[in-house]
Protein backbone atom coordinates (compact mmCIF):
# COMPACT_ATOMS: atom_id res chain seq x y z
CA UNK A 1 135.31 90.67 109.46
CA UNK A 2 132.11 90.35 111.53
CA UNK A 3 134.74 89.01 114.55
CA UNK A 4 137.21 91.65 114.24
CA UNK A 5 135.47 94.55 114.22
CA UNK A 6 133.13 92.93 117.29
CA UNK A 7 135.87 92.88 119.08
CA UNK A 8 136.99 96.66 117.73
CA UNK A 9 133.52 98.15 118.36
CA UNK A 10 131.88 96.66 120.54
CA UNK A 11 134.19 95.12 123.17
CA UNK A 12 136.64 97.62 122.59
CA UNK A 13 139.62 96.19 121.68
CA UNK A 14 143.19 97.84 120.56
CA UNK A 15 143.23 96.89 117.03
CA UNK A 16 146.75 95.44 118.42
CA UNK A 17 145.19 93.18 121.18
CA UNK A 18 143.11 91.97 118.30
CA UNK A 19 145.66 91.03 115.80
CA UNK A 20 147.50 88.94 119.07
CA UNK A 21 144.40 87.18 119.88
CA UNK A 22 143.32 85.95 116.28
CA UNK A 23 147.01 85.42 115.41
CA UNK A 24 146.70 87.92 112.49
CA UNK A 25 149.19 91.34 111.60
CA UNK A 26 147.56 94.80 113.04
CA UNK A 27 147.61 96.03 109.31
CA UNK A 28 145.38 92.88 108.00
CA UNK A 29 143.38 93.76 111.29
CA UNK A 30 143.03 97.75 110.24
CA UNK A 31 142.04 96.51 106.65
CA UNK A 32 139.88 94.02 107.79
CA UNK A 33 138.28 97.06 109.89
CA UNK A 34 137.99 99.11 106.46
CA UNK A 35 136.07 96.70 104.36
CA UNK A 36 133.64 95.91 107.24
CA UNK A 37 132.79 99.74 106.61
CA UNK A 38 132.54 99.30 103.06
CA UNK A 39 130.68 96.34 102.69
CA UNK A 40 128.13 97.61 105.13
CA UNK A 41 129.10 95.06 108.19
CA UNK A 42 129.77 98.05 110.37
CA UNK A 43 127.75 101.09 110.21
CA UNK A 44 128.73 104.79 111.94
CA UNK A 45 126.14 107.11 112.45
CA UNK A 46 127.29 110.28 114.75
CA UNK A 47 124.14 111.70 116.07
CA UNK A 48 123.85 115.43 116.67
CA UNK A 49 123.71 117.02 119.57
CA UNK A 50 120.18 118.53 120.62
CA UNK A 51 121.20 122.00 121.75
CA UNK A 52 122.77 122.24 118.40
CA UNK A 53 120.45 125.08 116.65
CA UNK A 54 118.01 124.88 119.65
CA UNK A 55 117.36 128.73 119.32
CA UNK A 56 116.49 128.25 115.39
CA UNK A 57 114.64 125.43 116.06
CA UNK A 58 112.36 127.20 118.81
CA UNK A 59 111.89 130.18 116.25
CA UNK A 60 110.28 128.11 113.98
CA UNK A 61 108.46 126.34 116.29
CA UNK A 62 107.00 129.56 117.78
CA UNK A 63 106.82 131.59 114.18
CA UNK A 64 104.94 128.61 112.11
CA UNK A 65 103.12 127.07 114.70
CA UNK A 66 104.89 123.58 114.12
CA UNK A 67 105.30 120.57 116.20
CA UNK A 68 109.49 120.34 115.58
CA UNK A 69 112.24 121.82 113.03
CA UNK A 70 114.63 119.27 112.46
CA UNK A 71 117.74 121.30 111.51
CA UNK A 72 120.91 119.74 110.31
CA UNK A 73 124.05 121.51 110.33
CA UNK A 74 125.25 123.22 107.14
CA UNK A 75 127.23 121.58 104.49
CA UNK A 76 128.86 123.15 101.31
CA UNK A 77 128.41 120.63 99.02
CA UNK A 78 124.78 119.72 98.27
CA UNK A 79 125.01 116.36 98.77
CA UNK A 80 126.16 116.30 102.37
CA UNK A 81 123.52 119.04 103.01
CA UNK A 82 121.28 116.45 101.25
CA UNK A 83 122.61 113.42 103.63
CA UNK A 84 122.50 115.36 107.09
CA UNK A 85 118.50 116.26 106.62
CA UNK A 86 118.18 113.06 105.68
CA UNK A 87 120.13 111.90 109.15
CA UNK A 88 117.43 113.77 111.03
CA UNK A 89 114.35 112.63 109.55
CA UNK A 90 115.23 109.08 109.31
CA UNK A 91 115.79 109.29 113.23
CA UNK A 92 112.91 110.85 113.89
CA UNK A 93 110.82 107.99 112.00
CA UNK A 94 113.49 105.29 114.34
CA UNK A 95 111.83 106.86 117.66
CA UNK A 96 108.40 107.89 116.81
CA UNK A 97 106.79 104.67 114.38
CA UNK A 98 104.01 102.70 115.57
CA UNK A 99 102.95 99.44 114.95
CA UNK A 100 100.63 99.53 112.08
CA UNK A 101 101.16 103.20 111.41
CA UNK A 102 99.82 103.81 107.84
CA UNK A 103 102.90 106.00 106.16
CA UNK A 104 102.03 108.35 102.78
CA UNK A 105 104.99 108.97 100.86
CA UNK A 106 105.89 111.53 98.43
CA UNK A 107 108.91 111.98 95.98
CA UNK A 108 112.20 113.16 95.48
CA UNK A 109 115.91 112.96 96.09
CA UNK A 110 115.62 114.53 99.81
CA UNK A 111 112.61 111.91 100.83
CA UNK A 112 114.73 109.26 98.76
CA UNK A 113 117.58 109.40 101.17
CA UNK A 114 115.96 108.90 103.72
CA UNK A 115 116.34 105.34 104.24
CA UNK A 116 119.92 104.91 103.69
CA UNK A 117 120.40 106.29 106.64
CA UNK A 118 118.16 104.20 108.94
CA UNK A 119 120.08 102.43 111.32
CA UNK A 120 119.52 99.46 113.64
CA UNK A 121 116.03 100.45 113.95
CA UNK A 122 113.30 98.82 115.93
CA UNK A 123 111.15 96.46 113.67
CA UNK A 124 107.71 97.84 112.93
CA UNK A 125 104.44 96.96 110.90
CA UNK A 126 104.23 100.16 109.30
CA UNK A 127 102.73 100.53 105.91
CA UNK A 128 104.19 102.89 103.63
CA UNK A 129 101.70 103.81 101.06
CA UNK A 130 102.83 105.71 97.74
CA UNK A 131 100.77 109.67 98.19
CA UNK A 132 101.29 110.62 94.70
CA UNK A 133 102.23 108.64 91.33
CA UNK A 134 105.32 108.06 89.54
CA UNK A 135 107.24 110.04 86.88
CA UNK A 136 108.83 107.75 84.24
CA UNK A 137 111.38 110.53 83.42
CA UNK A 138 112.48 110.47 86.90
CA UNK A 139 114.24 107.54 87.59
CA UNK A 140 114.11 104.61 90.24
CA UNK A 141 115.33 106.17 93.13
CA UNK A 142 113.19 109.44 93.28
CA UNK A 143 109.98 108.21 92.35
CA UNK A 144 107.35 107.19 95.59
CA UNK A 145 107.28 103.60 95.17
CA UNK A 146 110.81 102.46 95.42
CA UNK A 147 111.08 104.87 98.23
CA UNK A 148 108.42 103.29 99.87
CA UNK A 149 109.86 99.67 99.44
CA UNK A 150 112.97 100.72 101.16
CA UNK A 151 111.49 102.67 103.82
CA UNK A 152 109.62 99.25 104.40
CA UNK A 153 112.99 97.26 103.97
CA UNK A 154 114.48 99.21 106.54
CA UNK A 155 111.59 99.41 109.02
CA UNK A 156 110.26 95.81 108.38
CA UNK A 157 107.06 96.78 107.26
CA UNK A 158 104.84 97.10 104.09
CA UNK A 159 104.43 99.07 101.46
CA UNK A 160 101.70 99.79 98.82
CA UNK A 161 102.28 101.31 95.67
CA UNK A 162 99.87 104.10 93.29
CA UNK A 163 100.62 102.43 89.78
CA UNK A 164 100.05 105.45 88.21
CA UNK A 165 101.74 108.23 86.33
CA UNK A 166 102.05 111.70 88.59
CA UNK A 167 101.12 114.35 85.87
CA UNK A 168 98.78 113.29 83.33
CA UNK A 169 97.39 114.88 80.00
CA UNK A 170 93.82 117.25 81.65
CA UNK A 171 91.42 116.85 84.30
CA UNK A 172 89.23 114.26 83.22
CA UNK A 173 92.08 111.80 82.29
CA UNK A 174 93.04 112.24 85.93
CA UNK A 175 89.39 112.05 87.29
CA UNK A 176 89.34 107.96 85.25
CA UNK A 177 92.46 107.03 86.77
CA UNK A 178 91.23 108.30 90.25
CA UNK A 179 87.78 106.27 90.02
CA UNK A 180 89.72 103.02 89.47
CA UNK A 181 89.05 100.67 91.62
CA UNK A 182 92.87 99.70 92.87
CA UNK A 183 94.06 103.51 92.59
CA UNK A 184 91.01 104.47 94.73
CA UNK A 185 91.74 102.16 97.19
CA UNK A 186 95.68 103.16 97.39
CA UNK A 187 94.19 106.02 97.94
CA UNK A 188 91.91 105.84 100.48
CA UNK A 189 94.30 104.68 102.31
CA UNK A 190 97.05 107.01 101.73
CA UNK A 191 94.11 109.48 103.04
CA UNK A 192 94.16 107.58 106.28
CA UNK A 193 97.99 107.71 106.79
CA UNK A 194 98.79 109.24 110.47
CA UNK A 195 101.90 110.28 109.22
CA UNK A 196 103.41 111.87 105.31
CA UNK A 197 106.82 112.64 104.34
CA UNK A 198 106.85 115.08 101.61
CA UNK A 199 109.37 117.24 99.79
CA UNK A 200 109.30 120.65 98.21
CA UNK A 201 109.21 121.73 95.26
CA UNK A 202 110.59 125.25 93.54
CA UNK A 203 109.64 126.70 90.09
CA UNK A 204 112.71 127.16 88.17
CA UNK A 205 113.36 126.84 84.43
CA UNK A 206 116.16 124.04 86.24
CA UNK A 207 113.69 122.30 88.54
CA UNK A 208 113.70 118.54 88.68
CA UNK A 209 110.30 118.72 87.11
CA UNK A 210 111.26 120.86 83.85
CA UNK A 211 114.92 118.71 83.29
CA UNK A 212 112.67 115.40 83.50
CA UNK A 213 110.01 116.63 81.61
CA UNK A 214 107.07 116.28 84.21
CA UNK A 215 106.32 120.25 83.58
CA UNK A 216 107.61 122.26 80.03
CA UNK A 217 109.48 125.54 80.89
CA UNK A 218 106.41 127.46 79.65
CA UNK A 219 104.07 126.08 82.69
CA UNK A 220 107.06 127.01 84.88
CA UNK A 221 107.03 130.71 83.92
CA UNK A 222 103.08 130.23 83.74
CA UNK A 223 103.43 129.50 87.57
CA UNK A 224 105.93 132.14 88.34
CA UNK A 225 103.37 134.91 86.48
CA UNK A 226 101.02 133.27 88.71
CA UNK A 227 102.89 133.96 91.77
CA UNK A 228 103.58 130.62 92.71
CA UNK A 229 106.93 130.00 94.33
CA UNK A 230 106.86 126.24 95.66
CA UNK A 231 104.59 123.16 95.73
CA UNK A 232 104.24 119.92 97.67
CA UNK A 233 102.73 116.82 95.87
CA UNK A 234 102.17 119.29 93.03
CA UNK A 235 100.18 121.59 94.96
CA UNK A 236 101.67 125.02 93.79
CA UNK A 237 101.18 128.35 96.70
CA UNK A 238 102.36 131.42 96.80
CA UNK A 239 104.18 133.52 99.09
CA UNK A 240 101.12 133.82 101.35
CA UNK A 241 100.98 130.10 101.19
CA UNK A 242 97.78 130.07 99.16
CA UNK A 243 97.18 127.79 96.08
CA UNK A 244 97.40 129.76 92.68
CA UNK A 245 94.90 128.87 90.40
CA UNK A 246 96.09 126.95 87.74
CA UNK A 247 95.15 123.74 85.13
CA UNK A 248 98.20 122.04 86.19
CA UNK A 249 96.62 120.80 89.81
CA UNK A 250 93.76 119.33 88.19
CA UNK A 251 96.49 116.91 86.42
CA UNK A 252 97.81 115.62 89.61
CA UNK A 253 96.98 111.61 90.62
CA UNK A 254 97.92 111.66 94.30
CA UNK A 255 96.56 113.43 97.59
CA UNK A 256 95.48 116.64 97.31
CA UNK A 257 95.96 119.79 99.48
CA UNK A 258 92.74 118.78 101.88
CA UNK A 259 93.89 115.52 102.21
CA UNK A 260 97.34 116.76 104.06
CA UNK A 261 95.87 119.50 105.89
CA UNK A 262 94.13 116.10 107.01
CA UNK A 263 96.73 113.99 107.93
CA UNK A 264 97.91 114.31 111.65
CA UNK A 265 101.38 115.16 111.01
CA UNK A 266 103.46 116.32 107.84
CA UNK A 267 107.20 116.36 107.39
CA UNK A 268 108.41 118.24 104.71
CA UNK A 269 111.82 118.27 103.75
CA UNK A 270 114.17 120.46 101.92
CA UNK A 271 117.96 120.78 102.40
CA UNK A 272 118.77 122.86 99.00
CA UNK A 273 119.99 126.19 99.83
CA UNK A 274 117.89 127.99 96.93
CA UNK A 275 114.45 126.50 98.35
CA UNK A 276 114.19 129.46 101.34
CA UNK A 277 111.23 131.16 99.46
CA UNK A 278 109.65 127.70 98.54
CA UNK A 279 110.15 127.01 101.98
CA UNK A 280 108.64 129.80 104.13
CA UNK A 281 105.42 129.98 101.35
CA UNK A 282 104.77 126.26 102.09
CA UNK A 283 105.40 127.03 106.35
CA UNK A 284 102.30 129.89 105.57
CA UNK A 285 100.22 126.77 103.85
CA UNK A 286 99.38 125.30 107.94
CA UNK A 287 99.58 122.14 105.98
CA UNK A 288 103.71 121.27 107.34
CA UNK A 289 103.56 119.99 111.30
CA UNK A 290 107.63 119.11 110.79
CA UNK A 291 109.78 120.71 109.19
CA UNK A 292 113.44 119.32 108.54
CA UNK A 293 116.16 121.61 106.55
CA UNK A 294 119.36 123.31 107.48
CA UNK A 295 120.69 126.02 109.51
CA UNK A 296 121.23 128.35 106.27
CA UNK A 297 117.63 127.72 105.24
CA UNK A 298 115.94 128.21 108.43
CA UNK A 299 117.92 131.26 109.39
CA UNK A 300 116.72 132.91 105.52
CA UNK A 301 113.44 131.75 106.42
CA UNK A 302 113.03 133.44 109.51
CA UNK A 303 114.83 136.88 107.79
CA UNK A 304 112.04 136.17 104.70
CA UNK A 305 109.38 135.84 106.74
CA UNK A 306 110.02 138.89 109.01
CA UNK A 307 110.75 141.00 105.45
CA UNK A 308 107.54 139.67 103.80
CA UNK A 309 104.73 140.51 106.55
CA UNK A 310 103.72 143.48 104.58
CA UNK A 311 102.61 141.07 101.06
CA UNK A 312 100.56 139.35 103.87
């Protein structure tokens, strides 16, 4: 498979020439090429042209004072949309990670998808550190510990895990965890990160937070009543990007809003089409430096920003 794939993709020989040179049938060569893709010997990555969505990117950068906006083409299928956004973030990391860089990592499906689309990266001695604790009901794939390990594997770096729940019952329990030496050391390293990768959550009864049992539907209702429209690492904000006063904030074991503000580059990811209002609030917090989302969301956010200026 490797020999056939090399001749076809690198040497650019036709399948007929490969078949003759290796004494194989043309059909056999075709089957080997297909199997090589299925088994990961061949990874095909189609990069987006830099001029695509450039006007949207520039509009977001100018409107919200961002370093960059990574805008993926629109897909009707939610999974395909998540992949498109994840590919852009993976490409950004491949070109911008540096040796000895510390990267703080959040949770969620969008963040988790990034490592699957890192292709042929240069190895970096980066350290990927959990920015928030884990969630037992979430499953392994979207927890920060798993995401850190996968990113470290893909980029040839190291990972450091925050072995603690993301949400605890009250602020006293949270403070007790924060005072634990190992937890404090890990969070101290995360606070020194040069780059953070986080997701943007919404405030719906069918959100991951409710379905996984992290927060109750009643708590979500209370957050909406307080004006919350989204969160980043458990930091809840309203349409103006201002924090909403709630006791849930005091139950989160992870980086704080102030910690994120002090991080030089914060990449926020949201691929879902129903998150445009949450994205707008997140952008107005001033925490985000780079937004990764879809073209549809970018259009919606710019329109909503114009329509809700009187709310500010």
